[in-house]
PDB file of N, CA and C in Angstrom:
ATOM      1  N   MET A   1      64.237 100.142 110.918  1.00  0.00           N
ATOM      2  CA  MET A   1      63.155  98.770 110.585  1.00  0.00           C
ATOM      3  C   MET A   1      63.619  97.875 111.310  1.00  0.00           C
ATOM      4  N   SER A   2      62.689  96.852 111.483  1.00  0.00           N
ATOM      5  CA  SER A   2      62.970  95.770 112.410  1.00  0.00           C
ATOM      6  C   SER A   2      63.184  94.698 111.200  1.00  0.00           C
ATOM      7  N   GLU A   3      63.816  93.449 111.870  1.00  0.00           N
ATOM      8  CA  GLU A   3      64.413  92.155 111.015  1.00  0.00           C
ATOM      9  C   GLU A   3      63.006  91.750 110.355  1.00  0.00           C
ATOM     10  N   GLN A   4      61.905  91.809 111.379  1.00  0.00           N
ATOM     11  CA  GLN A   4      60.640  90.834 110.849  1.00  0.00           C
ATOM     12  C   GLN A   4      59.807  91.626 110.093  1.00  0.00           C
ATOM     13  N   GLN A   5      60.081  92.737 109.451  1.00  0.00           N
ATOM     14  CA  GLN A   5      59.313  93.526 108.367  1.00  0.00           C
ATOM     15  C   GLN A   5      60.192  93.839 107.408  1.00  0.00           C
ATOM     16  N   MET A   6      60.235  93.433 106.252  1.00  0.00           N
ATOM     17  CA  MET A   6      60.861  93.479 105.269  1.00  0.00           C
ATOM     18  C   MET A   6      60.330  94.505 104.125  1.00  0.00           C
ATOM     19  N   PRO A   7      60.447  95.589 103.573  1.00  0.00           N
ATOM     20  CA  PRO A   7      60.083  96.308 102.629  1.00  0.00           C
ATOM     21  C   PRO A   7      59.540  95.200 101.464  1.00  0.00           C
ATOM     22  N   PHE A   8      58.043  95.765 101.011  1.00  0.00           N
ATOM     23  CA  PHE A   8      57.670  95.155  99.784  1.00  0.00           C
ATOM     24  C   PHE A   8      57.232  93.444  99.970  1.00  0.00           C
ATOM     25  N   ARG A   9      57.470  93.044 101.237  1.00  0.00           N
ATOM     26  CA  ARG A   9      57.161  91.332 101.417  1.00  0.00           C
ATOM     27  C   ARG A   9      56.345  91.210 102.636  1.00  0.00           C
ATOM     28  N   GLY A  10      56.092  92.192 103.434  1.00  0.00           N
ATOM     29  CA  GLY A  10      55.309  91.853 104.665  1.00  0.00           C
ATOM     30  C   GLY A  10      56.270  91.101 105.418  1.00  0.00           C
ATOM     31  N   PRO A  11      55.516  90.480 106.515  1.00  0.00           N
ATOM     32  CA  PRO A  11      56.265  89.781 107.970  1.00  0.00           C
ATOM     33  C   PRO A  11      57.362  88.922 106.970  1.00  0.00           C
ATOM     34  N   ALA A  12      58.354  88.435 107.889  1.00  0.00           N
ATOM     35  CA  ALA A  12      59.242  87.463 107.278  1.00  0.00           C
ATOM     36  C   ALA A  12      58.684  85.963 107.223  1.00  0.00           C
ATOM     37  N   GLY A  13      57.818  85.538 107.839  1.00  0.00           N
ATOM     38  CA  GLY A  13      57.435  84.262 108.109  1.00  0.00           C
ATOM     39  C   GLY A  13      56.123  84.247 106.982  1.00  0.00           C
ATOM     40  N   ASP A  14      55.542  85.380 106.248  1.00  0.00           N
ATOM     41  CA  ASP A  14      54.601  85.254 105.762  1.00  0.00           C
ATOM     42  C   ASP A  14      54.986  85.083 104.015  1.00  0.00           C
ATOM     43  N   GLU A  15      54.552  83.617 103.601  1.00  0.00           N
ATOM     44  CA  GLU A  15      54.770  83.387 102.418  1.00  0.00           C
ATOM     45  C   GLU A  15      53.871  83.520 101.462  1.00  0.00           C
ATOM     46  N   SER A  16      52.692  83.881 101.984  1.00  0.00           N
ATOM     47  CA  SER A  16      51.569  84.415 100.797  1.00  0.00           C
ATOM     48  C   SER A  16      51.643  85.550  99.934  1.00  0.00           C
ATOM     49  N   SER A  17      52.707  86.458 100.561  1.00  0.00           N
ATOM     50  CA  SER A  17      52.612  87.632 100.079  1.00  0.00           C
ATOM     51  C   SER A  17      53.450  87.929  98.683  1.00  0.00           C
ATOM     52  N   GLY A  18      52.758  88.776  97.774  1.00  0.00           N
ATOM     53  CA  GLY A  18      53.407  88.971  96.479  1.00  0.00           C
ATOM     54  C   GLY A  18      53.098  87.823  95.585  1.00  0.00           C
ATOM     55  N   PRO A  19      53.577  88.081  94.199  1.00  0.00           N
ATOM     56  CA  PRO A  19      52.664  87.223  93.239  1.00  0.00           C
ATOM     57  C   PRO A  19      53.276  85.968  93.137  1.00  0.00           C
ATOM     58  N   PRO A  20      52.961  85.355  92.485  1.00  0.00           N
ATOM     59  CA  PRO A  20      53.406  83.597  92.913  1.00  0.00           C
ATOM     60  C   PRO A  20      54.619  83.425  91.613  1.00  0.00           C
ATOM     61  N   ASP A  21      55.255  82.474  91.471  1.00  0.00           N
ATOM     62  CA  ASP A  21      56.315  82.352  90.806  1.00  0.00           C
ATOM     63  C   ASP A  21      55.737  82.284  89.323  1.00  0.00           C
ATOM     64  N   GLU A  22      54.884  81.736  89.056  1.00  0.00           N
ATOM     65  CA  GLU A  22      54.363  81.780  87.590  1.00  0.00           C
ATOM     66  C   GLU A  22      54.220  83.265  87.056  1.00  0.00           C
ATOM     67  N   ASP A  23      53.609  84.127  88.050  1.00  0.00           N
ATOM     68  CA  ASP A  23      53.937  85.495  87.609  1.00  0.00           C
ATOM     69  C   ASP A  23      55.269  85.609  87.310  1.00  0.00           C
ATOM     70  N   GLU A  24      56.299  85.769  88.068  1.00  0.00           N
ATOM     71  CA  GLU A  24      57.555  86.232  87.966  1.00  0.00           C
ATOM     72  C   GLU A  24      57.922  85.570  86.615  1.00  0.00           C
ATOM     73  N   ALA A  25      57.885  84.268  86.197  1.00  0.00           N
ATOM     74  CA  ALA A  25      58.322  83.732  85.122  1.00  0.00           C
ATOM     75  C   ALA A  25      57.549  84.404  83.860  1.00  0.00           C
ATOM     76  N   ARG A  26      56.293  84.865  83.915  1.00  0.00           N
ATOM     77  CA  ARG A  26      55.800  85.194  82.915  1.00  0.00           C
ATOM     78  C   ARG A  26      56.125  86.541  82.727  1.00  0.00           C
ATOM     79  N   ASN A  27      56.598  87.362  83.633  1.00  0.00           N
ATOM     80  CA  ASN A  27      56.931  88.875  83.774  1.00  0.00           C
ATOM     81  C   ASN A  27      58.577  88.724  83.062  1.00  0.00           C
ATOM     82  N   ALA A  28      59.184  87.626  83.349  1.00  0.00           N
ATOM     83  CA  ALA A  28      60.575  87.442  82.518  1.00  0.00           C
ATOM     84  C   ALA A  28      60.484  87.286  81.035  1.00  0.00           C
ATOM     85  N   ARG A  29      59.450  86.395  80.817  1.00  0.00           N
ATOM     86  CA  ARG A  29      59.215  85.847  79.420  1.00  0.00           C
ATOM     87  C   ARG A  29      58.849  87.504  78.627  1.00  0.00           C
ATOM     88  N   LEU A  30      57.806  88.026  79.241  1.00  0.00           N
ATOM     89  CA  LEU A  30      57.630  89.357  78.511  1.00  0.00           C
ATOM     90  C   LEU A  30      58.642  90.201  78.349  1.00  0.00           C
ATOM     91  N   ALA A  31      59.267  90.619  79.440  1.00  0.00           N
ATOM     92  CA  ALA A  31      60.554  91.685  79.250  1.00  0.00           C
ATOM     93  C   ALA A  31      61.237  90.859  78.284  1.00  0.00           C
ATOM     94  N   ASN A  32      61.889  89.701  78.049  1.00  0.00           N
ATOM     95  CA  ASN A  32      62.647  89.226  77.097  1.00  0.00           C
ATOM     96  C   ASN A  32      62.007  89.388  75.694  1.00  0.00           C
ATOM     97  N   ARG A  33      60.696  89.147  75.492  1.00  0.00           N
ATOM     98  CA  ARG A  33      60.015  89.189  74.418  1.00  0.00           C
ATOM     99  C   ARG A  33      60.042  90.557  73.672  1.00  0.00           C
ATOM    100  N   PHE A  34      59.832  91.630  74.704  1.00  0.00           N
ATOM    101  CA  PHE A  34      59.734  92.965  74.168  1.00  0.00           C
ATOM    102  C   PHE A  34      61.231  93.803  74.203  1.00  0.00           C
ATOM    103  N   ASP A  35      62.213  93.120  74.241  1.00  0.00           N
ATOM    104  CA  ASP A  35      63.520  93.477  74.453  1.00  0.00           C
ATOM    105  C   ASP A  35      63.854  94.464  73.298  1.00  0.00           C
ATOM    106  N   ILE A  36      64.265  95.568  73.417  1.00  0.00           N
ATOM    107  CA  ILE A  36      64.588  96.501  72.238  1.00  0.00           C
ATOM    108  C   ILE A  36      65.524  95.841  71.369  1.00  0.00           C
ATOM    109  N   ARG A  37      66.398  95.291  71.441  1.00  0.00           N
ATOM    110  CA  ARG A  37      67.382  94.452  70.729  1.00  0.00           C
ATOM    111  C   ARG A  37      66.940  93.565  69.818  1.00  0.00           C
ATOM    112  N   ARG A  38      65.531  92.846  70.326  1.00  0.00           N
ATOM    113  CA  ARG A  38      64.993  92.104  69.377  1.00  0.00           C
ATOM    114  C   ARG A  38      64.057  93.045  68.400  1.00  0.00           C
ATOM    115  N   ILE A  39      63.670  94.017  68.741  1.00  0.00           N
ATOM    116  CA  ILE A  39      62.661  94.825  67.824  1.00  0.00           C
ATOM    117  C   ILE A  39      63.530  95.419  66.714  1.00  0.00           C
ATOM    118  N   ILE A  40      64.561  95.996  67.331  1.00  0.00           N
ATOM    119  CA  ILE A  40      65.617  96.821  66.323  1.00  0.00           C
ATOM    120  C   ILE A  40      66.064  95.837  65.485  1.00  0.00           C
ATOM    121  N   GLY A  41      66.766  94.396  65.852  1.00  0.00           N
ATOM    122  CA  GLY A  41      67.162  93.324  64.952  1.00  0.00           C
ATOM    123  C   GLY A  41      65.871  93.242  64.066  1.00  0.00           C
ATOM    124  N   GLY A  42      64.815  92.866  64.434  1.00  0.00           N
ATOM    125  CA  GLY A  42      63.642  92.644  63.578  1.00  0.00           C
ATOM    126  C   GLY A  42      63.526  93.847  62.553  1.00  0.00           C
ATOM    127  N   VAL A  43      63.768  95.047  62.614  1.00  0.00           N
ATOM    128  CA  VAL A  43      63.456  95.741  61.780  1.00  0.00           C
ATOM    129  C   VAL A  43      64.788  95.895  60.762  1.00  0.00           C
ATOM    130  N   PHE A  44      65.471  95.583  61.316  1.00  0.00           N
ATOM    131  CA  PHE A  44      67.043  95.503  60.419  1.00  0.00           C
ATOM    132  C   PHE A  44      66.648  94.670  59.348  1.00  0.00           C
ATOM    133  N   LEU A  45      66.248  93.215  60.161  1.00  0.00           N
ATOM    134  CA  LEU A  45      66.052  92.157  58.996  1.00  0.00           C
ATOM    135  C   LEU A  45      65.098  92.317  58.001  1.00  0.00           C
ATOM    136  N   VAL A  46      64.119  93.039  58.041  1.00  0.00           N
ATOM    137  CA  VAL A  46      63.028  93.177  57.205  1.00  0.00           C
ATOM    138  C   VAL A  46      63.292  94.313  56.258  1.00  0.00           C
ATOM    139  N   TYR A  47      64.348  95.262  56.804  1.00  0.00           N
ATOM    140  CA  TYR A  47      64.621  96.269  55.562  1.00  0.00           C
ATOM    141  C   TYR A  47      65.699  95.590  54.724  1.00  0.00           C
ATOM    142  N   ALA A  48      66.545  94.888  55.469  1.00  0.00           N
ATOM    143  CA  ALA A  48      67.665  94.199  54.806  1.00  0.00           C
ATOM    144  C   ALA A  48      67.037  93.054  53.792  1.00  0.00           C
ATOM    145  N   VAL A  49      65.995  92.549  53.842  1.00  0.00           N
ATOM    146  CA  VAL A  49      65.393  91.725  52.811  1.00  0.00           C
ATOM    147  C   VAL A  49      65.142  92.393  51.802  1.00  0.00           C
ATOM    148  N   ILE A  50      64.080  93.590  52.125  1.00  0.00           N
ATOM    149  CA  ILE A  50      63.845  94.439  51.120  1.00  0.00           C
ATOM    150  C   ILE A  50      64.935  95.020  50.058  1.00  0.00           C
ATOM    151  N   LEU A  51      65.958  95.621  50.825  1.00  0.00           N
ATOM    152  CA  LEU A  51      67.176  95.951  49.958  1.00  0.00           C
ATOM    153  C   LEU A  51      67.867  94.866  48.969  1.00  0.00           C
ATOM    154  N   ILE A  52      67.944  93.672  49.845  1.00  0.00           N
ATOM    155  CA  ILE A  52      68.769  92.595  48.977  1.00  0.00           C
ATOM    156  C   ILE A  52      67.883  92.447  47.437  1.00  0.00           C
ATOM    157  N   ILE A  53      66.307  91.979  48.016  1.00  0.00           N
ATOM    158  CA  ILE A  53      65.536  91.736  46.889  1.00  0.00           C
ATOM    159  C   ILE A  53      65.730  93.032  45.712  1.00  0.00           C
ATOM    160  N   THR A  54      65.668  94.125  46.158  1.00  0.00           N
ATOM    161  CA  THR A  54      65.873  95.527  45.114  1.00  0.00           C
ATOM    162  C   THR A  54      67.166  95.510  44.456  1.00  0.00           C
ATOM    163  N   GLY A  55      68.082  95.226  45.180  1.00  0.00           N
ATOM    164  CA  GLY A  55      69.598  94.847  44.853  1.00  0.00           C
ATOM    165  C   GLY A  55      69.574  93.816  43.748  1.00  0.00           C
ATOM    166  N   LEU A  56      68.880  92.693  43.740  1.00  0.00           N
ATOM    167  CA  LEU A  56      68.905  91.505  43.031  1.00  0.00           C
ATOM    168  C   LEU A  56      68.038  91.606  41.842  1.00  0.00           C
ATOM    169  N   VAL A  57      66.790  92.274  41.930  1.00  0.00           N
ATOM    170  CA  VAL A  57      65.969  92.332  40.688  1.00  0.00           C
ATOM    171  C   VAL A  57      65.663  93.712  40.207  1.00  0.00           C
ATOM    172  N   GLY A  58      66.361  94.688  40.747  1.00  0.00           N
ATOM    173  CA  GLY A  58      66.438  96.096  40.286  1.00  0.00           C
ATOM    174  C   GLY A  58      66.876  96.218  38.747  1.00  0.00           C
ATOM    175  N   SER A  59      66.422  97.178  38.003  1.00  0.00           N
ATOM    176  CA  SER A  59      66.984  97.442  36.623  1.00  0.00           C
ATOM    177  C   SER A  59      68.357  97.729  37.177  1.00  0.00           C
ATOM    178  N   HIS A  60      69.378  97.649  35.839  1.00  0.00           N
ATOM    179  CA  HIS A  60      70.553  97.730  35.862  1.00  0.00           C
ATOM    180  C   HIS A  60      71.003  99.308  36.395  1.00  0.00           C
ATOM    181  N   GLU A  61      70.081 100.084  35.763  1.00  0.00           N
ATOM    182  CA  GLU A  61      70.353 101.666  35.813  1.00  0.00           C
ATOM    183  C   GLU A  61      70.390 101.678  37.506  1.00  0.00           C
ATOM    184  N   VAL A  62      69.422 101.372  38.049  1.00  0.00           N
ATOM    185  CA  VAL A  62      69.324 101.457  39.571  1.00  0.00           C
ATOM    186  C   VAL A  62      70.484 100.943  40.423  1.00  0.00           C
ATOM    187  N   LYS A  63      70.952  99.900  39.898  1.00  0.00           N
ATOM    188  CA  LYS A  63      71.878  98.925  40.332  1.00  0.00           C
ATOM    189  C   LYS A  63      73.110  99.874  40.349  1.00  0.00           C
ATOM    190  N   THR A  64      73.499 100.883  39.327  1.00  0.00           N
ATOM    191  CA  THR A  64      75.003 101.307  39.044  1.00  0.00           C
ATOM    192  C   THR A  64      74.642 102.588  39.129  1.00  0.00           C
ATOM    193  N   LYS A  65      73.719 103.245  39.772  1.00  0.00           N
ATOM    194  CA  LYS A  65      73.743 104.513  39.979  1.00  0.00           C
ATOM    195  C   LYS A  65      74.492 105.093  40.992  1.00  0.00           C
ATOM    196  N   ALA A  66      75.163 104.672  42.054  1.00  0.00           N
ATOM    197  CA  ALA A  66      76.116 104.881  42.699  1.00  0.00           C
ATOM    198  C   ALA A  66      77.258 104.724  42.545  1.00  0.00           C
ATOM    199  N   SER A  67      77.972 105.227  41.402  1.00  0.00           N
ATOM    200  CA  SER A  67      79.236 105.105  40.867  1.00  0.00           C
ATOM    201  C   SER A  67      79.752 103.747  40.684  1.00  0.00           C
ATOM    202  N   GLY A  68      78.643 102.909  40.011  1.00  0.00           N
ATOM    203  CA  GLY A  68      78.604 101.550  39.695  1.00  0.00           C
ATOM    204  C   GLY A  68      78.480 100.673  40.665  1.00  0.00           C
ATOM    205  N   ILE A  69      78.114 101.019  41.752  1.00  0.00           N
ATOM    206  CA  ILE A  69      78.207  99.912  42.892  1.00  0.00           C
ATOM    207  C   ILE A  69      76.697  99.678  43.399  1.00  0.00           C
ATOM    208  N   ASN A  70      76.159  98.592  43.294  1.00  0.00           N
ATOM    209  CA  ASN A  70      74.966  98.115  43.556  1.00  0.00           C
ATOM    210  C   ASN A  70      74.798  98.506  45.204  1.00  0.00           C
ATOM    211  N   ILE A  71      74.444  99.523  45.467  1.00  0.00           N
ATOM    212  CA  ILE A  71      74.386  99.953  46.817  1.00  0.00           C
ATOM    213  C   ILE A  71      73.386  99.470  47.624  1.00  0.00           C
ATOM    214  N   ASN A  72      72.101  99.106  47.026  1.00  0.00           N
ATOM    215  CA  ASN A  72      70.882  98.335  47.723  1.00  0.00           C
ATOM    216  C   ASN A  72      71.458  96.976  48.110  1.00  0.00           C
ATOM    217  N   LEU A  73      72.119  96.409  47.338  1.00  0.00           N
ATOM    218  CA  LEU A  73      72.641  94.856  47.862  1.00  0.00           C
ATOM    219  C   LEU A  73      73.472  95.165  48.751  1.00  0.00           C
ATOM    220  N   TRP A  74      74.603  95.839  48.820  1.00  0.00           N
ATOM    221  CA  TRP A  74      75.844  95.925  49.714  1.00  0.00           C
ATOM    222  C   TRP A  74      75.310  96.199  51.217  1.00  0.00           C
ATOM    223  N   THR A  75      74.190  97.326  51.047  1.00  0.00           N
ATOM    224  CA  THR A  75      73.703  97.935  52.486  1.00  0.00           C
ATOM    225  C   THR A  75      72.594  96.890  52.941  1.00  0.00           C
ATOM    226  N   GLY A  76      72.067  96.104  52.158  1.00  0.00           N
ATOM    227  CA  GLY A  76      71.275  95.281  52.522  1.00  0.00           C
ATOM    228  C   GLY A  76      71.900  93.997  53.220  1.00  0.00           C
ATOM    229  N   LEU A  77      73.076  93.590  52.589  1.00  0.00           N
ATOM    230  CA  LEU A  77      73.912  92.550  53.570  1.00  0.00           C
ATOM    231  C   LEU A  77      74.388  93.197  54.658  1.00  0.00           C
ATOM    232  N   ALA A  78      74.630  94.460  54.918  1.00  0.00           N
ATOM    233  CA  ALA A  78      75.494  94.971  55.904  1.00  0.00           C
ATOM    234  C   ALA A  78      74.172  95.027  56.657  1.00  0.00           C
ATOM    235  N   MET A  79      72.998  95.231  56.521  1.00  0.00           N
ATOM    236  CA  MET A  79      72.092  95.345  57.547  1.00  0.00           C
ATOM    237  C   MET A  79      71.385  93.929  57.886  1.00  0.00           C
ATOM    238  N   LEU A  80      71.773  92.871  57.150  1.00  0.00           N
ATOM    239  CA  LEU A  80      71.216  91.486  57.430  1.00  0.00           C
ATOM    240  C   LEU A  80      72.367  91.148  58.600  1.00  0.00           C
ATOM    241  N   VAL A  81      73.526  91.501  58.433  1.00  0.00           N
ATOM    242  CA  VAL A  81      74.468  91.149  59.326  1.00  0.00           C
ATOM    243  C   VAL A  81      74.001  91.700  60.838  1.00  0.00           C
ATOM    244  N   VAL A  82      73.954  92.887  60.843  1.00  0.00           N
ATOM    245  CA  VAL A  82      73.647  93.753  61.971  1.00  0.00           C
ATOM    246  C   VAL A  82      72.370  93.132  62.635  1.00  0.00           C
ATOM    247  N   GLY A  83      71.336  93.026  61.668  1.00  0.00           N
ATOM    248  CA  GLY A  83      70.059  92.653  62.396  1.00  0.00           C
ATOM    249  C   GLY A  83      70.312  90.995  63.004  1.00  0.00           C
ATOM    250  N   ILE A  84      71.040  90.376  62.364  1.00  0.00           N
ATOM    251  CA  ILE A  84      71.189  88.885  62.724  1.00  0.00           C
ATOM    252  C   ILE A  84      72.136  89.076  64.207  1.00  0.00           C
ATOM    253  N   LEU A  85      73.135  89.932  64.303  1.00  0.00           N
ATOM    254  CA  LEU A  85      73.825  90.390  65.344  1.00  0.00           C
ATOM    255  C   LEU A  85      72.947  90.570  66.504  1.00  0.00           C
ATOM    256  N   MET A  86      72.171  91.493  66.439  1.00  0.00           N
ATOM    257  CA  MET A  86      71.243  92.341  67.531  1.00  0.00           C
ATOM    258  C   MET A  86      70.375  90.972  67.802  1.00  0.00           C
ATOM    259  N   VAL A  87      69.484  90.245  67.216  1.00  0.00           N
ATOM    260  CA  VAL A  87      68.783  89.203  67.435  1.00  0.00           C
ATOM    261  C   VAL A  87      69.574  87.865  68.328  1.00  0.00           C
ATOM    262  N   ALA A  88      70.883  87.823  67.895  1.00  0.00           N
ATOM    263  CA  ALA A  88      71.683  86.796  68.584  1.00  0.00           C
ATOM    264  C   ALA A  88      71.905  87.332  69.727  1.00  0.00           C
ATOM    265  N   TRP A  89      72.342  88.462  70.101  1.00  0.00           N
ATOM    266  CA  TRP A  89      72.777  89.204  71.088  1.00  0.00           C
ATOM    267  C   TRP A  89      71.439  88.942  72.045  1.00  0.00           C
ATOM    268  N   ALA A  90      70.288  89.232  71.625  1.00  0.00           N
ATOM    269  CA  ALA A  90      68.846  89.477  72.669  1.00  0.00           C
ATOM    270  C   ALA A  90      68.589  88.048  73.055  1.00  0.00           C
ATOM    271  N   LEU A  91      68.806  86.684  72.248  1.00  0.00           N
ATOM    272  CA  LEU A  91      68.719  85.669  72.608  1.00  0.00           C
ATOM    273  C   LEU A  91      69.827  84.936  73.627  1.00  0.00           C
ATOM    274  N   LEU A  92      71.068  85.394  73.213  1.00  0.00           N
ATOM    275  CA  LEU A  92      72.106  84.814  73.920  1.00  0.00           C
ATOM    276  C   LEU A  92      72.247  85.462  75.491  1.00  0.00           C
ATOM    277  N   ARG A  93      71.918  86.814  75.690  1.00  0.00           N
ATOM    278  CA  ARG A  93      72.037  87.567  76.819  1.00  0.00           C
ATOM    279  C   ARG A  93      70.543  87.857  77.156  1.00  0.00           C
ATOM    280  N   PRO A  94      69.658  87.377  77.673  1.00  0.00           N
ATOM    281  CA  PRO A  94      68.396  87.815  78.065  1.00  0.00           C
ATOM    282  C   PRO A  94      68.411  89.048  79.088  1.00  0.00           C
ATOM    283  N   VAL A  95      67.336  90.049  78.777  1.00  0.00           N
ATOM    284  CA  VAL A  95      67.095  90.871  79.918  1.00  0.00           C
ATOM    285  C   VAL A  95      67.105  90.343  81.469  1.00  0.00           C
ATOM    286  N   ALA A  96      66.163  89.347  81.357  1.00  0.00           N
ATOM    287  CA  ALA A  96      65.641  88.811  82.828  1.00  0.00           C
ATOM    288  C   ALA A  96      65.780  87.226  82.819  1.00  0.00           C
ATOM    289  N   GLU A  97      66.443  86.816  83.315  1.00  0.00           N
ATOM    290  CA  GLU A  97      66.658  84.947  83.134  1.00  0.00           C
ATOM    291  C   GLU A  97      65.355  84.665  83.959  1.00  0.00           C
ATOM    292  N   GLU A  98      64.493  83.615  83.556  1.00  0.00           N
ATOM    293  CA  GLU A  98      63.505  83.254  84.242  1.00  0.00           C
ATOM    294  C   GLU A  98      63.919  82.333  85.560  1.00  0.00           C
ATOM    295  N   PRO A  99      62.934  83.297  86.500  1.00  0.00           N
ATOM    296  CA  PRO A  99      63.546  82.703  88.082  1.00  0.00           C
ATOM    297  C   PRO A  99      63.335  80.935  88.296  1.00  0.00           C
ATOM    298  N   PRO A 100      64.334  80.864  89.047  1.00  0.00           N
ATOM    299  CA  PRO A 100      64.426  79.029  89.327  1.00  0.00           C
ATOM    300  C   PRO A 100      63.033  78.963  90.189  1.00  0.00           C
ATOM    301  N   ASP A 101      62.888  77.492  90.339  1.00  0.00           N
ATOM    302  CA  ASP A 101      61.878  76.995  91.225  1.00  0.00           C
ATOM    303  C   ASP A 101      62.091  77.298  92.675  1.00  0.00           C
ATOM    304  N   THR A 102      62.258  78.368  93.212  1.00  0.00           N
ATOM    305  CA  THR A 102      62.323  78.705  94.528  1.00  0.00           C
ATOM    306  C   THR A 102      61.165  78.394  95.598  1.00  0.00           C
ATOM    307  N   GLY A 103      59.938  78.389  95.113  1.00  0.00           N
ATOM    308  CA  GLY A 103      58.835  78.503  96.184  1.00  0.00           C
ATOM    309  C   GLY A 103      58.566  79.850  97.219  1.00  0.00           C
ATOM    310  N   GLY A 104      59.231  80.701  96.580  1.00  0.00           N
ATOM    311  CA  GLY A 104      59.041  81.973  97.603  1.00  0.00           C
ATOM    312  C   GLY A 104      60.076  82.457  98.362  1.00  0.00           C
ATOM    313  N   HIS A 105      61.007  81.552  98.327  1.00  0.00           N
ATOM    314  CA  HIS A 105      62.342  81.440  99.396  1.00  0.00           C
ATOM    315  C   HIS A 105      63.608  82.219  98.611  1.00  0.00           C
ATOM    316  N   GLY A 106      63.989  83.484  99.031  1.00  0.00           N
ATOM    317  CA  GLY A 106      65.340  83.835  98.584  1.00  0.00           C
ATOM    318  C   GLY A 106      65.200  84.516  97.041  1.00  0.00           C
ATOM    319  N   SER A 107      63.977  84.654  96.586  1.00  0.00           N
ATOM    320  CA  SER A 107      63.728  85.374  95.448  1.00  0.00           C
ATOM    321  C   SER A 107      64.140  86.966  95.778  1.00  0.00           C
ATOM    322  N   SER A 108      64.688  87.346  94.619  1.00  0.00           N
ATOM    323  CA  SER A 108      65.302  88.601  94.727  1.00  0.00           C
ATOM    324  C   SER A 108      64.440  89.954  94.134  1.00  0.00           C
ATOM    325  N   GLY A 109      63.157  89.307  93.566  1.00  0.00           N
ATOM    326  CA  GLY A 109      62.191  90.407  93.025  1.00  0.00           C
ATOM    327  C   GLY A 109      61.667  90.956  94.000  1.00  0.00           C
ATOM    328  N   LEU A 110      60.699  92.178  93.308  1.00  0.00           N
ATOM    329  CA  LEU A 110      59.954  93.017  94.396  1.00  0.00           C
ATOM    330  C   LEU A 110      58.706  92.148  94.810  1.00  0.00           C
ATOM    331  N   ARG A 111      58.098  92.316  95.630  1.00  0.00           N
ATOM    332  CA  ARG A 111      57.049  91.740  95.908  1.00  0.00           C
ATOM    333  C   ARG A 111      56.146  92.570  96.413  1.00  0.00           C
ATOM    334  N   ARG A 112      54.659  92.507  96.262  1.00  0.00           N
ATOM    335  CA  ARG A 112      53.702  93.419  96.841  1.00  0.00           C
ATOM    336  C   ARG A 112      53.429  93.291  98.074  1.00  0.00           C
ATOM    337  N   ALA A 113      53.110  94.184  98.833  1.00  0.00           N
ATOM    338  CA  ALA A 113      52.546  94.175 100.252  1.00  0.00           C
ATOM    339  C   ALA A 113      51.299  93.249 100.309  1.00  0.00           C
ATOM    340  N   PRO A 114      51.216  92.558 101.432  1.00  0.00           N
ATOM    341  CA  PRO A 114      49.970  91.924 101.733  1.00  0.00           C
ATOM    342  C   PRO A 114      48.910  92.863 101.775  1.00  0.00           C
ATOM    343  N   ALA A 115      47.662  92.023 101.239  1.00  0.00           N
ATOM    344  CA  ALA A 115      46.324  93.344 101.237  1.00  0.00           C
ATOM    345  C   ALA A 115      45.709  93.168 102.705  1.00  0.00           C
ATOM    346  N   THR A 116      45.388  94.178 103.028  1.00  0.00           N
ATOM    347  CA  THR A 116      44.873  94.378 104.241  1.00  0.00           C
ATOM    348  C   THR A 116      43.592  94.578 104.591  1.00  0.00           C
TER     349      THR A 116
END
């Protein structure tokens, strides 16, 4: 393959090939929004709130059913911690960083071939 022709980019001097930087930034935001860590963390948080409420306002019989331990409350608190950790992990270490404003120079993302 010649130096002038790069896969997925077209000729080396052709800056019009590929999606614009706005599309790359939008794709990075979408990848981060639908990160599996956020989804799992959100599900854990929802179930944790339900279990904590059940553990706090449930009847005494339900609260002490598991050998005198309020299992709903303790499980809800543990799930709350796991959910918070999952969401924090997703926010602090995103899947795809938003690309810097390179103007099409030196971007490592895949580019579409120019339309012929």
